[in-house]
Structures are given as structure tokens and as C-alpha cells.
Amino acid sequence: MDTATDQVRSVATASEQQSATSEEINRSIKEINRSFSENACAMNRSSVAANELASQAQGLRALIERRNSGGQQRQSSQDVGMANGSH
């Protein structure tokens, strides 16, 4: 009889340990999912910021090109004026 009681206690103890381990695994999985979710949000924000920065760089490049081409047109006008004898 004592052997059967010991076996039942052993099974009950193992079951409790297995349940505790399962709960710990579930908590770990939830933490991993939360971390992945936070990482995905951060990557999304980074992507939006990178796209905005690229758009601003494109606008700046266009502005510089307009300024440079305007400067060349003014220089060309000055050259024509000097060739005609006016300053």
C-alpha cells in the first residue's frame, strides 16, 4: 500500500512541476510576443522616418539644382551683357 501511495505522490509532484514549467513557458512566450510587437512598431516608425528623410533629401536636391541652374542663367546673362558692352 505504501508503494502505491508513494507512486501517487510522485505523479502528483511531477504533475505540479510540469504545470509550473508550462506556466513559465507561457509567460516567456507572451514576453517574446510583446518584444516582437514592440520591435515591429519600432521598425515601422523607422521606416516612416526614413521615407520622410528621403523625401526631404529629394526636395533639398531639387532646391539646390534650381538654385544652381538659376545661378548659371544669371552668369550667362552677365556674359552676354559684357559681350554687348554693358555691365
N, C-alpha and C. Protein backbone atom coordinates (compact mmCIF):
# COMPACT_ATOMS: atom_id res chain seq x y z
N MET A 1 0.80 -1.18 0.00
CA MET A 1 0.00 0.00 0.00
C MET A 1 0.86 1.26 0.00
N ASP A 2 1.94 1.23 0.77
CA ASP A 2 2.82 2.39 0.82
C ASP A 2 3.43 2.68 -0.54
N THR A 3 3.73 1.66 -1.31
CA THR A 3 4.31 1.85 -2.63
C THR A 3 3.33 2.57 -3.55
N ALA A 4 2.08 2.20 -3.51
CA ALA A 4 1.07 2.85 -4.33
C ALA A 4 0.90 4.30 -3.92
N THR A 5 0.90 4.59 -2.63
CA THR A 5 0.78 5.96 -2.12
C THR A 5 1.98 6.79 -2.56
N ASP A 6 3.16 6.20 -2.48
CA ASP A 6 4.38 6.91 -2.91
C ASP A 6 4.35 7.22 -4.40
N GLN A 7 3.85 6.29 -5.18
CA GLN A 7 3.75 6.49 -6.62
C GLN A 7 2.74 7.60 -6.95
N VAL A 8 1.62 7.60 -6.24
CA VAL A 8 0.61 8.64 -6.46
C VAL A 8 1.20 10.00 -6.10
N ARG A 9 1.91 10.08 -4.98
CA ARG A 9 2.55 11.34 -4.58
C ARG A 9 3.59 11.78 -5.61
N SER A 10 4.33 10.82 -6.10
CA SER A 10 5.36 11.12 -7.10
C SER A 10 4.72 11.67 -8.38
N VAL A 11 3.63 11.05 -8.81
CA VAL A 11 2.92 11.52 -10.01
C VAL A 11 2.34 12.90 -9.76
N ALA A 12 1.78 13.14 -8.59
CA ALA A 12 1.20 14.44 -8.25
C ALA A 12 2.28 15.51 -8.24
N THR A 13 3.42 15.20 -7.67
CA THR A 13 4.54 16.15 -7.63
C THR A 13 5.03 16.46 -9.05
N ALA A 14 5.19 15.43 -9.85
CA ALA A 14 5.64 15.63 -11.24
C ALA A 14 4.62 16.45 -12.01
N SER A 15 3.34 16.21 -11.77
CA SER A 15 2.29 16.97 -12.44
C SER A 15 2.35 18.45 -12.05
N GLU A 16 2.56 18.72 -10.77
CA GLU A 16 2.69 20.12 -10.31
C GLU A 16 3.90 20.79 -10.95
N GLN A 17 5.01 20.07 -11.03
CA GLN A 17 6.22 20.63 -11.64
C GLN A 17 6.00 20.90 -13.13
N GLN A 18 5.31 19.97 -13.78
CA GLN A 18 5.03 20.14 -15.21
C GLN A 18 4.11 21.34 -15.42
N SER A 19 3.13 21.52 -14.55
CA SER A 19 2.22 22.65 -14.67
C SER A 19 2.96 23.96 -14.46
N ALA A 20 3.84 24.01 -13.46
CA ALA A 20 4.62 25.21 -13.20
C ALA A 20 5.53 25.53 -14.38
N THR A 21 6.13 24.52 -14.96
CA THR A 21 7.01 24.71 -16.11
C THR A 21 6.20 25.22 -17.31
N SER A 22 5.02 24.67 -17.51
CA SER A 22 4.16 25.12 -18.61
C SER A 22 3.77 26.59 -18.43
N GLU A 23 3.46 26.98 -17.22
CA GLU A 23 3.12 28.38 -16.95
C GLU A 23 4.32 29.29 -17.23
N GLU A 24 5.50 28.84 -16.86
CA GLU A 24 6.71 29.64 -17.12
C GLU A 24 6.96 29.76 -18.62
N ILE A 25 6.74 28.69 -19.36
CA ILE A 25 6.90 28.73 -20.81
C ILE A 25 5.89 29.69 -21.42
N ASN A 26 4.65 29.64 -20.97
CA ASN A 26 3.61 30.54 -21.47
C ASN A 26 3.97 31.99 -21.20
N ARG A 27 4.49 32.29 -20.01
CA ARG A 27 4.91 33.66 -19.71
C ARG A 27 6.05 34.09 -20.63
N SER A 28 6.97 33.20 -20.86
CA SER A 28 8.10 33.51 -21.75
C SER A 28 7.62 33.77 -23.18
N ILE A 29 6.68 32.98 -23.65
CA ILE A 29 6.15 33.16 -24.99
C ILE A 29 5.43 34.50 -25.10
N LYS A 30 4.65 34.86 -24.07
CA LYS A 30 3.97 36.15 -24.07
C LYS A 30 4.98 37.29 -24.10
N GLU A 31 6.06 37.17 -23.36
CA GLU A 31 7.11 38.20 -23.34
C GLU A 31 7.78 38.32 -24.70
N ILE A 32 8.04 37.18 -25.33
CA ILE A 32 8.64 37.19 -26.67
C ILE A 32 7.69 37.85 -27.67
N ASN A 33 6.41 37.51 -27.60
CA ASN A 33 5.42 38.13 -28.50
C ASN A 33 5.36 39.64 -28.29
N ARG A 34 5.40 40.07 -27.03
CA ARG A 34 5.37 41.50 -26.73
C ARG A 34 6.62 42.18 -27.31
N SER A 35 7.77 41.53 -27.15
CA SER A 35 9.01 42.09 -27.69
C SER A 35 8.96 42.19 -29.21
N PHE A 36 8.45 41.16 -29.86
CA PHE A 36 8.31 41.19 -31.31
C PHE A 36 7.37 42.31 -31.74
N SER A 37 6.28 42.47 -31.02
CA SER A 37 5.32 43.52 -31.35
C SER A 37 5.95 44.90 -31.20
N GLU A 38 6.68 45.11 -30.12
CA GLU A 38 7.36 46.40 -29.91
C GLU A 38 8.40 46.63 -31.00
N ASN A 39 9.12 45.57 -31.37
CA ASN A 39 10.13 45.69 -32.41
C ASN A 39 9.49 46.04 -33.75
N ALA A 40 8.36 45.41 -34.04
CA ALA A 40 7.66 45.70 -35.29
C ALA A 40 7.21 47.16 -35.33
N CYS A 41 6.70 47.67 -34.20
CA CYS A 41 6.28 49.07 -34.14
C CYS A 41 7.48 50.00 -34.35
N ALA A 42 8.59 49.67 -33.71
CA ALA A 42 9.80 50.50 -33.85
C ALA A 42 10.30 50.47 -35.29
N MET A 43 10.26 49.31 -35.93
CA MET A 43 10.70 49.21 -37.32
C MET A 43 9.77 50.02 -38.23
N ASN A 44 8.49 50.00 -37.94
CA ASN A 44 7.53 50.77 -38.73
C ASN A 44 7.82 52.26 -38.59
N ARG A 45 8.06 52.72 -37.36
CA ARG A 45 8.40 54.13 -37.15
C ARG A 45 9.70 54.49 -37.87
N SER A 46 10.68 53.60 -37.83
CA SER A 46 11.94 53.85 -38.52
C SER A 46 11.74 53.94 -40.02
N SER A 47 10.89 53.08 -40.55
CA SER A 47 10.60 53.10 -41.99
C SER A 47 9.93 54.42 -42.38
N VAL A 48 8.98 54.86 -41.59
CA VAL A 48 8.30 56.13 -41.87
C VAL A 48 9.31 57.28 -41.82
N ALA A 49 10.17 57.28 -40.81
CA ALA A 49 11.18 58.33 -40.68
C ALA A 49 12.15 58.30 -41.85
N ALA A 50 12.56 57.12 -42.28
CA ALA A 50 13.49 57.00 -43.41
C ALA A 50 12.84 57.52 -44.69
N ASN A 51 11.57 57.17 -44.90
CA ASN A 51 10.87 57.67 -46.09
C ASN A 51 10.73 59.18 -46.05
N GLU A 52 10.44 59.73 -44.89
CA GLU A 52 10.32 61.18 -44.76
C GLU A 52 11.67 61.85 -45.03
N LEU A 53 12.73 61.26 -44.49
CA LEU A 53 14.06 61.82 -44.72
C LEU A 53 14.43 61.76 -46.19
N ALA A 54 14.10 60.66 -46.85
CA ALA A 54 14.39 60.54 -48.29
C ALA A 54 13.61 61.59 -49.08
N SER A 55 12.38 61.83 -48.69
CA SER A 55 11.56 62.85 -49.37
C SER A 55 12.16 64.23 -49.16
N GLN A 56 12.60 64.51 -47.95
CA GLN A 56 13.22 65.81 -47.67
C GLN A 56 14.53 65.96 -48.44
N ALA A 57 15.30 64.89 -48.55
CA ALA A 57 16.56 64.94 -49.29
C ALA A 57 16.28 65.21 -50.77
N GLN A 58 15.23 64.59 -51.30
CA GLN A 58 14.86 64.82 -52.69
C GLN A 58 14.45 66.28 -52.91
N GLY A 59 13.67 66.82 -51.98
CA GLY A 59 13.28 68.23 -52.08
C GLY A 59 14.48 69.15 -52.00
N LEU A 60 15.41 68.84 -51.11
CA LEU A 60 16.62 69.65 -50.98
C LEU A 60 17.46 69.57 -52.25
N ARG A 61 17.56 68.38 -52.81
CA ARG A 61 18.32 68.21 -54.05
C ARG A 61 17.70 69.05 -55.17
N ALA A 62 16.37 69.03 -55.27
CA ALA A 62 15.68 69.82 -56.30
C ALA A 62 15.91 71.31 -56.06
N LEU A 63 15.86 71.74 -54.81
CA LEU A 63 16.08 73.14 -54.49
C LEU A 63 17.50 73.57 -54.86
N ILE A 64 18.47 72.74 -54.57
CA ILE A 64 19.87 73.04 -54.92
C ILE A 64 20.04 73.09 -56.43
N GLU A 65 19.41 72.15 -57.14
CA GLU A 65 19.52 72.16 -58.60
C GLU A 65 18.90 73.42 -59.19
N ARG A 66 17.74 73.83 -58.65
CA ARG A 66 17.11 75.07 -59.14
C ARG A 66 18.01 76.26 -58.85
N ARG A 67 18.60 76.29 -57.68
CA ARG A 67 19.48 77.41 -57.32
C ARG A 67 20.70 77.42 -58.23
N ASN A 68 21.27 76.25 -58.43
CA ASN A 68 22.46 76.18 -59.30
C ASN A 68 22.12 76.55 -60.73
N SER A 69 21.01 76.08 -61.25
CA SER A 69 20.66 76.41 -62.64
C SER A 69 20.30 77.89 -62.75
N GLY A 70 19.70 78.47 -61.72
CA GLY A 70 19.42 79.90 -61.71
C GLY A 70 20.70 80.71 -61.69
N GLY A 71 21.69 80.25 -60.97
CA GLY A 71 22.98 80.92 -60.92
C GLY A 71 23.69 80.85 -62.25
N GLN A 72 23.53 79.75 -62.95
CA GLN A 72 24.16 79.62 -64.26
C GLN A 72 23.47 80.52 -65.26
N GLN A 73 22.14 80.64 -65.15
CA GLN A 73 21.43 81.53 -66.06
C GLN A 73 21.85 82.97 -65.83
N ARG A 74 22.01 83.37 -64.57
CA ARG A 74 22.45 84.74 -64.28
C ARG A 74 23.85 84.97 -64.82
N GLN A 75 24.72 83.99 -64.65
CA GLN A 75 26.09 84.12 -65.15
C GLN A 75 26.07 84.25 -66.67
N SER A 76 25.23 83.45 -67.33
CA SER A 76 25.13 83.53 -68.79
C SER A 76 24.63 84.90 -69.22
N SER A 77 23.65 85.47 -68.49
CA SER A 77 23.13 86.80 -68.80
C SER A 77 24.21 87.85 -68.63
N GLN A 78 25.03 87.71 -67.60
CA GLN A 78 26.10 88.67 -67.35
C GLN A 78 27.14 88.57 -68.48
N ASP A 79 27.43 87.36 -68.92
CA ASP A 79 28.40 87.18 -70.01
C ASP A 79 27.89 87.85 -71.29
N VAL A 80 26.59 87.68 -71.59
CA VAL A 80 26.01 88.30 -72.78
C VAL A 80 26.07 89.82 -72.64
N GLY A 81 25.76 90.36 -71.46
CA GLY A 81 25.80 91.80 -71.23
C GLY A 81 27.19 92.34 -71.40
N MET A 82 28.19 91.61 -70.90
CA MET A 82 29.57 92.08 -71.03
C MET A 82 30.01 92.04 -72.48
N ALA A 83 29.53 91.06 -73.22
CA ALA A 83 29.90 90.95 -74.62
C ALA A 83 29.25 92.11 -75.41
N ASN A 84 28.11 92.60 -74.95
CA ASN A 84 27.44 93.71 -75.62
C ASN A 84 27.95 95.06 -75.12
N GLY A 85 28.86 95.03 -74.18
CA GLY A 85 29.44 96.27 -73.68
C GLY A 85 28.71 96.87 -72.49
N SER A 86 27.75 96.16 -71.93
CA SER A 86 27.08 96.69 -70.74
C SER A 86 27.48 95.87 -69.51
N HIS A 87 27.33 96.44 -68.33
CA HIS A 87 27.72 95.75 -67.09
C HIS A 87 26.54 95.56 -66.22
